Each structure stands twice: as C-alpha cells, then as structure tokens.
N, C-alpha and C. Protein backbone atom coordinates (compact mmCIF):
# COMPACT_ATOMS: atom_id res chain seq x y z
N MET A 1 -10.51 20.67 -4.41
CA MET A 1 -9.05 20.16 -4.49
C MET A 1 -8.82 20.28 -3.12
N ASP A 2 -8.33 18.88 -2.12
CA ASP A 2 -7.46 19.37 -1.05
C ASP A 2 -6.43 19.54 -0.99
N LEU A 3 -6.43 20.65 -0.21
CA LEU A 3 -4.63 21.39 0.52
C LEU A 3 -4.22 20.74 1.32
N ASP A 4 -2.97 20.14 1.19
CA ASP A 4 -2.22 19.71 2.79
C ASP A 4 -1.88 21.02 3.49
N SER A 5 -1.12 21.11 4.70
CA SER A 5 -0.93 22.02 5.77
C SER A 5 0.05 21.63 6.86
N ASN A 6 1.08 22.54 7.19
CA ASN A 6 2.01 22.78 8.31
C ASN A 6 1.41 23.87 8.98
N ALA A 7 2.46 24.19 9.96
CA ALA A 7 2.27 25.36 10.92
C ALA A 7 2.08 26.95 9.89
N HIS A 8 2.90 26.80 9.24
CA HIS A 8 3.69 28.00 8.37
C HIS A 8 3.08 27.91 6.99
N SER A 9 2.18 26.87 6.15
CA SER A 9 2.18 26.98 5.08
C SER A 9 1.21 26.28 4.19
N VAL A 10 0.65 26.46 3.34
CA VAL A 10 -0.47 25.49 2.45
C VAL A 10 0.41 25.23 0.96
N PHE A 11 0.16 23.71 0.94
CA PHE A 11 0.64 23.02 -0.40
C PHE A 11 -0.19 22.05 -0.82
N LEU A 12 0.48 21.92 -2.39
CA LEU A 12 -0.52 20.61 -2.49
C LEU A 12 0.98 20.17 -3.73
N LEU A 13 1.78 19.31 -3.32
CA LEU A 13 2.61 18.73 -3.73
C LEU A 13 2.35 17.77 -4.27
N CYS A 14 2.33 17.18 -5.31
CA CYS A 14 2.50 15.61 -5.97
C CYS A 14 3.49 15.08 -6.55
N TYR A 15 3.87 13.67 -6.80
CA TYR A 15 4.59 13.43 -7.53
C TYR A 15 4.42 12.28 -8.68
N HIS A 16 4.96 12.08 -9.69
CA HIS A 16 4.45 10.53 -10.33
C HIS A 16 6.52 10.05 -10.54
N LEU A 17 6.99 8.62 -9.49
CA LEU A 17 7.38 8.24 -9.38
C LEU A 17 7.58 6.77 -10.53
N VAL A 18 8.42 6.39 -11.36
CA VAL A 18 8.66 5.18 -11.77
C VAL A 18 10.11 4.96 -11.60
N LEU A 19 9.74 3.70 -11.03
CA LEU A 19 11.46 3.04 -10.51
C LEU A 19 11.50 1.71 -11.61
N VAL A 20 12.44 1.44 -11.95
CA VAL A 20 13.08 0.30 -12.68
C VAL A 20 13.59 -0.95 -12.18
N VAL A 21 13.58 -1.75 -12.03
CA VAL A 21 13.78 -3.23 -12.12
C VAL A 21 15.06 -3.34 -13.06
N LYS A 22 16.26 -3.52 -12.26
CA LYS A 22 17.60 -3.54 -13.13
C LYS A 22 17.79 -4.32 -13.99
N TYR A 23 18.04 -3.90 -14.92
CA TYR A 23 18.78 -4.52 -16.10
C TYR A 23 17.33 -4.97 -17.06
N ARG A 24 16.13 -3.95 -16.20
CA ARG A 24 14.80 -4.07 -17.09
C ARG A 24 14.04 -5.80 -16.80
N ARG A 25 14.86 -6.44 -15.47
CA ARG A 25 14.06 -8.00 -15.42
C ARG A 25 12.67 -7.94 -15.07
N GLN A 26 12.09 -9.01 -15.51
CA GLN A 26 10.68 -8.90 -15.72
C GLN A 26 10.47 -9.76 -14.14
N VAL A 27 10.42 -8.94 -13.00
CA VAL A 27 9.87 -9.85 -12.07
C VAL A 27 8.86 -9.69 -11.35
N PHE A 28 8.17 -8.48 -11.64
CA PHE A 28 6.52 -8.04 -11.24
C PHE A 28 5.75 -9.04 -11.15
N ASP A 29 5.17 -9.24 -10.36
CA ASP A 29 3.56 -10.04 -10.63
C ASP A 29 2.51 -9.57 -9.35
N GLU A 30 1.49 -9.93 -9.34
CA GLU A 30 0.86 -8.90 -8.03
C GLU A 30 1.06 -9.03 -6.70
N GLU A 31 1.50 -10.48 -6.75
CA GLU A 31 2.17 -10.59 -4.68
C GLU A 31 3.65 -9.41 -5.09
N ILE A 32 4.58 -9.47 -5.73
CA ILE A 32 5.64 -8.62 -5.52
C ILE A 32 5.33 -7.77 -5.38
N SER A 33 4.28 -7.04 -6.34
CA SER A 33 3.99 -5.47 -6.29
C SER A 33 3.16 -5.38 -4.79
N ASN A 34 2.44 -6.10 -4.37
CA ASN A 34 1.64 -5.58 -3.55
C ASN A 34 2.68 -5.57 -2.54
N ARG A 35 3.61 -6.31 -2.30
CA ARG A 35 4.75 -6.51 -1.29
C ARG A 35 5.52 -5.15 -1.17
N ALA A 36 5.92 -4.56 -2.27
CA ALA A 36 6.67 -3.36 -3.05
C ALA A 36 5.91 -2.24 -2.48
N LYS A 37 4.62 -2.41 -2.35
CA LYS A 37 3.59 -1.30 -2.13
C LYS A 37 3.77 -1.11 -0.64
N GLU A 38 3.30 -2.33 -0.03
CA GLU A 38 3.41 -2.06 1.43
C GLU A 38 4.60 -1.95 1.96
N ILE A 39 5.75 -1.94 1.78
CA ILE A 39 6.77 -1.47 1.98
C ILE A 39 6.68 0.14 1.59
N PHE A 40 6.00 0.82 0.69
CA PHE A 40 6.50 1.74 0.94
C PHE A 40 5.70 2.51 1.36
N GLU A 41 4.52 2.08 1.99
CA GLU A 41 3.58 2.70 2.25
C GLU A 41 3.96 2.46 4.23
N TYR A 42 4.86 1.92 4.40
CA TYR A 42 5.88 1.37 6.06
C TYR A 42 6.18 3.08 6.09
N ILE A 43 7.40 3.04 5.09
CA ILE A 43 8.36 3.89 5.24
C ILE A 43 7.68 5.13 5.01
N ALA A 44 6.54 5.40 4.12
CA ALA A 44 6.44 7.01 3.16
C ALA A 44 6.32 7.93 4.69
N PRO A 45 5.40 7.06 5.69
CA PRO A 45 5.01 8.66 7.09
C PRO A 45 6.29 8.71 7.27
N ASN A 46 7.32 8.38 7.55
CA ASN A 46 8.30 9.07 7.77
C ASN A 46 9.14 10.21 7.02
N TYR A 47 8.51 9.77 6.10
CA TYR A 47 9.08 11.33 5.34
C TYR A 47 7.90 12.51 4.82
N HIS A 48 7.04 12.05 5.39
CA HIS A 48 5.70 12.81 5.36
C HIS A 48 5.26 12.56 3.79
N ILE A 49 4.95 11.41 3.28
CA ILE A 49 4.44 11.42 2.04
C ILE A 49 3.22 10.32 2.32
N THR A 50 2.19 10.41 1.25
CA THR A 50 1.20 9.59 1.70
C THR A 50 0.67 8.94 -0.11
N LEU A 51 0.94 7.92 -0.16
CA LEU A 51 0.48 7.32 -1.27
C LEU A 51 -0.73 7.73 -1.94
N GLN A 52 -0.73 7.39 -3.30
CA GLN A 52 -2.02 7.98 -3.93
C GLN A 52 -2.74 6.67 -4.74
N GLU A 53 -1.83 6.85 -5.85
CA GLU A 53 -2.08 5.48 -6.41
C GLU A 53 -0.71 4.81 -6.95
N TRP A 54 -0.70 3.55 -6.99
CA TRP A 54 0.41 2.75 -7.34
C TRP A 54 0.19 1.76 -8.66
N ASN A 55 1.06 1.01 -9.37
CA ASN A 55 0.22 0.21 -10.32
C ASN A 55 1.88 -0.32 -11.34
N HIS A 56 1.61 -1.47 -11.56
CA HIS A 56 3.00 -2.12 -11.83
C HIS A 56 3.02 -3.00 -13.14
N ASP A 57 4.41 -2.58 -14.35
CA ASP A 57 4.38 -4.17 -15.11
C ASP A 57 5.51 -5.12 -14.73
N LYS A 58 5.95 -5.48 -15.36
CA LYS A 58 6.76 -6.77 -15.29
C LYS A 58 8.01 -6.29 -14.53
N ASP A 59 8.44 -5.19 -15.43
CA ASP A 59 9.92 -5.04 -15.05
C ASP A 59 10.01 -3.33 -14.50
N HIS A 60 9.04 -2.70 -13.81
CA HIS A 60 8.88 -1.28 -13.19
C HIS A 60 7.51 -0.95 -12.76
N VAL A 61 7.61 0.40 -11.67
CA VAL A 61 6.65 0.31 -10.95
C VAL A 61 6.13 2.06 -11.20
N HIS A 62 4.71 2.47 -11.11
CA HIS A 62 4.56 3.49 -10.77
C HIS A 62 3.48 3.79 -9.70
N ILE A 63 4.03 5.05 -8.88
CA ILE A 63 3.63 5.70 -7.95
C ILE A 63 3.53 7.03 -7.68
N LEU A 64 2.22 7.56 -7.79
CA LEU A 64 1.85 8.66 -7.58
C LEU A 64 1.69 8.94 -5.46
N PHE A 65 2.31 9.93 -5.36
CA PHE A 65 1.80 9.89 -3.88
C PHE A 65 2.42 11.79 -3.59
N ARG A 66 1.95 12.41 -2.50
CA ARG A 66 1.85 13.39 -2.31
C ARG A 66 2.84 13.47 -1.25
N THR A 67 3.31 14.76 -0.91
CA THR A 67 4.22 15.08 -0.08
C THR A 67 4.63 16.52 0.65
N HIS A 68 5.34 17.01 1.57
CA HIS A 68 5.33 18.37 2.21
C HIS A 68 6.61 19.00 1.67
N PRO A 69 6.38 19.97 1.63
CA PRO A 69 7.61 20.83 1.03
C PRO A 69 9.12 20.62 1.85
N ASN A 70 9.17 20.07 3.02
CA ASN A 70 10.27 19.75 3.65
C ASN A 70 11.16 18.26 3.39
N THR A 71 10.44 17.73 2.95
CA THR A 71 10.84 16.07 2.80
C THR A 71 11.81 16.12 1.87
N GLU A 72 12.83 15.41 2.49
CA GLU A 72 14.22 15.47 1.30
C GLU A 72 13.94 13.71 0.41
N MET A 73 13.70 14.03 -0.75
CA MET A 73 13.43 13.09 -1.61
C MET A 73 14.13 12.22 -1.96
N SER A 74 15.58 12.59 -1.97
CA SER A 74 16.77 11.57 -2.10
C SER A 74 16.91 10.86 -1.30
N LYS A 75 16.76 11.45 0.25
CA LYS A 75 17.01 10.33 1.00
C LYS A 75 15.85 9.38 1.09
N PHE A 76 14.92 9.49 1.27
CA PHE A 76 13.54 8.81 0.41
C PHE A 76 13.75 7.75 -0.03
N LEU A 77 13.93 8.02 -0.87
CA LEU A 77 14.22 7.67 -2.35
C LEU A 77 15.36 6.25 -1.93
N ASN A 78 16.37 6.89 -1.35
CA ASN A 78 17.54 5.39 -0.90
C ASN A 78 17.01 4.39 0.33
N ALA A 79 15.73 5.10 1.14
CA ALA A 79 15.93 4.30 2.34
C ALA A 79 14.87 3.11 1.55
N TYR A 80 13.65 3.86 0.49
CA TYR A 80 12.88 2.73 0.07
C TYR A 80 13.15 2.12 -0.80
N LYS A 81 14.13 2.35 -1.43
CA LYS A 81 14.97 1.52 -2.38
C LYS A 81 15.84 0.32 -2.01
N SER A 82 16.34 0.50 -0.90
CA SER A 82 17.36 0.04 0.30
C SER A 82 16.65 -0.92 0.92
N ALA A 83 15.50 -0.67 1.10
CA ALA A 83 14.41 -1.07 2.14
C ALA A 83 13.47 -2.63 1.50
N SER A 84 13.32 -1.88 0.41
CA SER A 84 12.70 -3.01 -0.93
C SER A 84 13.25 -3.80 -1.18
N SER A 85 14.25 -3.47 -1.68
CA SER A 85 15.03 -4.73 -2.37
C SER A 85 15.63 -5.50 -1.40
N ARG A 86 16.12 -5.16 -0.46
CA ARG A 86 16.58 -6.16 0.89
C ARG A 86 15.29 -7.49 1.25
N LEU A 87 14.22 -6.32 1.00
CA LEU A 87 13.09 -7.02 1.73
C LEU A 87 12.60 -8.41 0.59
N LEU A 88 12.56 -7.78 -0.37
CA LEU A 88 11.52 -8.34 -1.34
C LEU A 88 12.88 -9.46 -1.86
N LYS A 89 14.26 -9.21 -1.99
CA LYS A 89 14.92 -10.65 -2.21
C LYS A 89 14.56 -11.88 -1.46
N LYS A 90 14.68 -11.40 -0.55
CA LYS A 90 14.56 -12.24 0.94
C LYS A 90 13.27 -13.29 1.20
N GLU A 91 12.13 -12.25 1.21
CA GLU A 91 10.85 -13.15 1.06
C GLU A 91 10.60 -13.87 -0.55
N PHE A 92 11.20 -13.32 -1.29
CA PHE A 92 10.62 -13.79 -2.90
C PHE A 92 11.76 -14.20 -3.89
N PRO A 93 12.75 -15.40 -3.26
CA PRO A 93 13.81 -16.01 -3.38
C PRO A 93 14.19 -15.98 -5.17
N GLN A 94 13.17 -16.31 -5.83
CA GLN A 94 13.01 -16.43 -7.17
C GLN A 94 13.23 -15.08 -7.58
N ILE A 95 13.24 -13.89 -7.62
CA ILE A 95 13.66 -12.89 -7.69
C ILE A 95 15.38 -12.94 -7.81
N ARG A 96 16.19 -13.20 -6.99
CA ARG A 96 17.40 -13.55 -7.23
C ARG A 96 17.76 -14.15 -8.39
N LYS A 97 17.60 -15.16 -8.92
CA LYS A 97 17.29 -15.62 -10.45
C LYS A 97 17.47 -15.19 -11.47
N LYS A 98 16.64 -13.85 -11.33
CA LYS A 98 16.47 -13.70 -12.41
C LYS A 98 17.51 -12.04 -12.78
N LEU A 99 17.96 -11.86 -11.24
CA LEU A 99 18.89 -10.76 -11.48
C LEU A 99 20.41 -11.25 -11.48
N TRP A 100 20.98 -10.45 -12.40
CA TRP A 100 22.75 -10.81 -12.64
C TRP A 100 23.38 -10.24 -11.17
N LYS A 101 23.35 -9.75 -10.77
CA LYS A 101 23.95 -8.76 -9.59
C LYS A 101 22.77 -9.18 -8.25
N GLU A 102 23.18 -8.66 -7.16
CA GLU A 102 22.69 -8.25 -6.00
C GLU A 102 21.35 -6.69 -6.23
N TYR A 103 21.92 -6.20 -6.81
CA TYR A 103 20.93 -4.57 -7.02
C TYR A 103 19.64 -4.83 -7.76
N PHE A 104 18.75 -4.69 -7.39
CA PHE A 104 16.85 -4.83 -7.25
C PHE A 104 17.23 -3.29 -8.16
N TRP A 105 16.89 -2.60 -7.54
CA TRP A 105 16.36 -1.57 -8.40
C TRP A 105 17.49 -0.97 -9.43
N SER A 106 17.34 -0.59 -10.50
CA SER A 106 18.67 0.27 -11.06
C SER A 106 18.72 1.70 -10.60
N SER A 107 19.67 2.43 -10.52
CA SER A 107 19.91 3.56 -10.00
C SER A 107 18.92 4.61 -10.34
N SER A 108 19.00 4.76 -11.77
CA SER A 108 18.22 5.62 -12.28
C SER A 108 16.85 5.73 -11.72
N PHE A 109 15.76 6.89 -12.47
CA PHE A 109 14.44 6.70 -11.80
C PHE A 109 13.80 8.11 -12.98
N CYS A 110 12.81 8.01 -12.22
CA CYS A 110 12.00 9.02 -13.31
C CYS A 110 10.87 9.46 -12.27
N LEU A 111 11.04 10.76 -11.78
CA LEU A 111 10.60 11.54 -10.77
C LEU A 111 9.55 13.19 -11.22
N LEU A 112 8.78 13.26 -11.72
CA LEU A 112 7.41 13.91 -12.69
C LEU A 112 6.64 14.77 -11.22
N THR A 113 6.63 16.19 -11.55
CA THR A 113 5.84 17.00 -10.48
C THR A 113 4.58 16.77 -11.20
N THR A 114 3.48 16.69 -10.44
CA THR A 114 2.45 16.78 -10.73
C THR A 114 1.31 18.13 -10.86
N GLY A 115 0.26 18.29 -11.44
CA GLY A 115 -0.58 19.39 -11.27
C GLY A 115 -1.78 19.77 -11.78
N GLY A 116 -2.49 20.42 -11.79
CA GLY A 116 -3.74 20.48 -12.23
C GLY A 116 -4.48 20.89 -13.06
N VAL A 117 -3.49 21.77 -13.33
CA VAL A 117 -3.35 22.67 -14.73
C VAL A 117 -1.90 22.20 -15.46
N PRO A 118 -2.18 22.53 -17.04
CA PRO A 118 -0.65 23.09 -17.67
C PRO A 118 -0.31 23.46 -17.67
N ILE A 119 1.60 23.52 -17.72
CA ILE A 119 2.13 24.74 -17.54
C ILE A 119 2.07 25.85 -18.28
N ASP A 120 1.46 25.99 -19.79
CA ASP A 120 1.44 27.04 -20.24
C ASP A 120 -0.04 27.99 -19.59
N VAL A 121 -0.91 27.27 -19.22
CA VAL A 121 -1.93 28.15 -18.13
C VAL A 121 -1.29 29.02 -16.98
N ILE A 122 -0.43 28.23 -16.05
CA ILE A 122 0.41 28.66 -15.20
C ILE A 122 1.64 29.57 -15.41
N ARG A 123 1.75 29.52 -16.83
CA ARG A 123 3.21 30.60 -17.31
C ARG A 123 1.99 31.59 -17.75
N LYS A 124 0.92 31.84 -18.13
CA LYS A 124 0.22 32.90 -18.68
C LYS A 124 -0.07 33.52 -17.51
N TYR A 125 -0.54 33.01 -16.60
CA TYR A 125 -1.92 33.35 -15.27
C TYR A 125 0.11 34.14 -14.67
N ILE A 126 1.10 33.95 -14.75
CA ILE A 126 2.13 34.25 -13.86
C ILE A 126 2.79 35.67 -15.15
N GLU A 127 2.45 35.41 -16.15
CA GLU A 127 2.91 36.30 -17.20
C GLU A 127 1.70 37.62 -17.04
N ASN A 128 0.73 37.59 -16.97
CA ASN A 128 -0.08 38.26 -16.65
C ASN A 128 -0.88 39.39 -15.14
N GLN A 129 0.00 38.64 -14.09
CA GLN A 129 -0.49 39.23 -12.73
C GLN A 129 0.13 40.70 -12.86
N GLY A 130 -0.73 41.40 -12.26
CA GLY A 130 -0.70 43.17 -12.36
C GLY A 130 -1.72 43.45 -13.48
N GLU A 131 -1.80 42.81 -14.43
CA GLU A 131 -2.15 43.42 -15.52
C GLU A 131 -4.21 43.07 -15.29
N LYS A 132 -4.82 43.95 -15.76
CA LYS A 132 -6.41 44.21 -15.70
C LYS A 132 -7.07 43.19 -16.65
C-alpha cells in the first residue's frame, strides 16, 4: 500500500464520487466522458487530488481519487462542476438539446470514503486496543 505524505503527516484518503447529469439526461458517450475526465485532471492538482479511476454511464460518472487531508472538497466539487458544465456545453452543443435549462450537473452527488478493509474490521481493531 502506497501512502501519501506531507511535511507533518502520512495518509491515504481515497474517495468514490458519483456525479449525475441534471434530470438524469443521457448525454455521456466516450468523447464527452473523456473530455470531462480531462477537465477533472486539469483542475484536480490545484486541490491536491489525484485521479485513480474514471468510468461513465449515459447519465452519470464514477470517479475514484486520492486526496490530502487539507483538501476543501466542497470547493473542489464546485470548481469542477462549474468548469466542466461550462466547457462541455460549449464544446458539445448537442448537450444543450438534451437539458431543460442551463444546468449540466445535478446539485446532488454521492461521495464515499473508501478503504482497504471493511468498517467492522476497523471497529474491532479499535475496540481491542490496549488488550493482549
């Protein structure tokens, strides 16, 4: 397992993010997904985020990424959703025909922490601290 570090800490913070297109409109194909991924990779380093995995379905994307403890996730998500919405609609005019209004992304999202072991294993480990 490769750990990340900065001047004062060692960490491994992985997240699974699911972003959904507004009204679940089916706008993603390979080309649009690849461009959305490029935008993510361009913005991510400013927030100490590293893309690990990317995939899409017709109406949403799944993103696995690593980050630092001081990353302001809400600021990153806002920056990514704003930039990608603007650029994707500009570069792919056919998207506008599928959306009812100006919004590309739904305001809701799913952000899950990931880890190498199940929560129950960690819970047992913490419960058993100090015991032989």
